[in-house]
Amino acid sequence: MSNKVVKEIIEEREKQDAKWGEQNHSPIEWVSILTEEVGEVAKAALESHFKHKNKDHSYTEYRKELVQVAAVAIAMLESLDRNELGMLIK
């Protein structure tokens, strides 16, 4: 596992917390948030592929979005650990 990648994910988590504060959502809300982020990964991959089809590929935005997906997944785990699952499902 790359320390550089882990550091980037931790930094992104810190940015998310600074922007949104501590987030405590139900599992279905978290999955919706994660799905939206995964959609941004797909969009970035498509745009990069077609924009650079016959040139060197640039996947900078794609990579940035992947870091955000990883950070959201970690936020989901942190939220689940903070809250009892039974309290989230009502």
Protein backbone atom coordinates (compact mmCIF):
# COMPACT_ATOMS: atom_id res chain seq x y z
CA MET A 1 0.00 0.00 0.00
CA SER A 2 1.32 3.40 -0.98
CA ASN A 3 1.90 5.85 1.87
CA LYS A 4 1.36 8.68 -0.64
CA VAL A 5 -2.12 7.44 -1.48
CA VAL A 6 -3.06 6.87 2.16
CA LYS A 7 -1.84 10.38 3.01
CA GLU A 8 -3.97 11.86 0.21
CA ILE A 9 -7.06 10.01 1.46
CA ILE A 10 -6.48 11.21 5.03
CA GLU A 11 -6.05 14.78 3.77
CA GLU A 12 -9.29 14.49 1.80
CA ARG A 13 -11.09 13.21 4.93
CA GLU A 14 -9.81 16.23 6.82
CA LYS A 15 -11.10 18.54 4.05
CA GLN A 16 -14.50 16.85 4.17
CA ASP A 17 -14.73 17.26 7.94
CA ALA A 18 -13.66 20.91 7.69
CA LYS A 19 -16.31 21.55 5.04
CA TRP A 20 -19.22 19.49 6.37
CA GLY A 21 -18.40 18.80 10.03
CA GLU A 22 -18.94 15.37 11.51
CA GLN A 23 -21.38 13.49 9.32
CA ASN A 24 -23.70 10.86 10.75
CA HIS A 25 -26.06 9.48 8.15
CA SER A 26 -28.10 6.32 7.84
CA PRO A 27 -26.61 3.59 5.64
CA ILE A 28 -28.98 4.40 2.74
CA GLU A 29 -28.01 8.07 2.88
CA TRP A 30 -24.32 7.15 2.90
CA VAL A 31 -24.76 4.83 -0.07
CA SER A 32 -26.45 7.65 -1.97
CA ILE A 33 -23.54 9.98 -1.19
CA LEU A 34 -21.00 7.33 -2.21
CA THR A 35 -22.90 6.55 -5.42
CA GLU A 36 -22.87 10.22 -6.37
CA GLU A 37 -19.11 10.27 -5.86
CA VAL A 38 -18.67 7.10 -7.94
CA GLY A 39 -20.69 8.81 -10.67
CA GLU A 40 -18.14 11.61 -10.66
CA VAL A 41 -15.38 9.00 -11.09
CA ALA A 42 -17.19 7.58 -14.11
CA LYS A 43 -17.69 11.05 -15.60
CA ALA A 44 -14.01 11.93 -15.13
CA ALA A 45 -12.92 8.63 -16.71
CA LEU A 46 -15.17 9.16 -19.74
CA GLU A 47 -14.11 12.76 -20.21
CA SER A 48 -10.45 11.87 -19.95
CA HIS A 49 -10.79 8.96 -22.34
CA PHE A 50 -12.60 10.86 -25.07
CA LYS A 51 -10.75 14.14 -24.61
CA HIS A 52 -7.40 12.40 -24.97
CA LYS A 53 -8.42 9.50 -27.21
CA ASN A 54 -5.49 9.77 -29.62
CA LYS A 55 -3.02 11.40 -27.24
CA ASP A 56 -1.41 10.57 -23.94
CA HIS A 57 -4.16 10.06 -21.39
CA SER A 58 -4.45 12.48 -18.51
CA TYR A 59 -6.37 10.99 -15.63
CA THR A 60 -5.76 13.75 -13.07
CA GLU A 61 -9.44 14.45 -12.42
CA TYR A 62 -10.25 10.72 -12.41
CA ARG A 63 -7.58 10.13 -9.77
CA LYS A 64 -8.81 13.06 -7.68
CA GLU A 65 -12.34 11.64 -7.72
CA LEU A 66 -11.06 8.20 -6.71
CA VAL A 67 -9.40 9.73 -3.65
CA GLN A 68 -12.75 11.34 -2.78
CA VAL A 69 -14.53 7.99 -3.13
CA ALA A 70 -12.02 6.36 -0.79
CA ALA A 71 -12.41 9.19 1.72
CA VAL A 72 -16.21 8.92 1.65
CA ALA A 73 -15.99 5.16 2.21
CA ILE A 74 -13.82 5.81 5.25
CA ALA A 75 -16.29 8.44 6.49
CA MET A 76 -19.02 5.81 6.18
CA LEU A 77 -17.04 3.41 8.36
CA GLU A 78 -16.27 6.12 10.89
CA SER A 79 -19.94 7.06 11.11
CA LEU A 80 -20.97 3.44 11.54
CA ASP A 81 -18.40 2.99 14.30
CA ARG A 82 -19.61 6.14 16.09
CA ASN A 83 -23.24 5.12 15.99
CA GLU A 84 -24.91 1.86 16.78
CA LEU A 85 -26.38 0.37 13.62
CA GLY A 86 -29.71 -0.11 15.37
CA MET A 87 -29.92 3.63 16.05
CA LEU A 88 -29.44 4.41 12.36
CA ILE A 89 -32.18 2.09 11.13
CA LYS A 90 -35.58 3.24 12.36
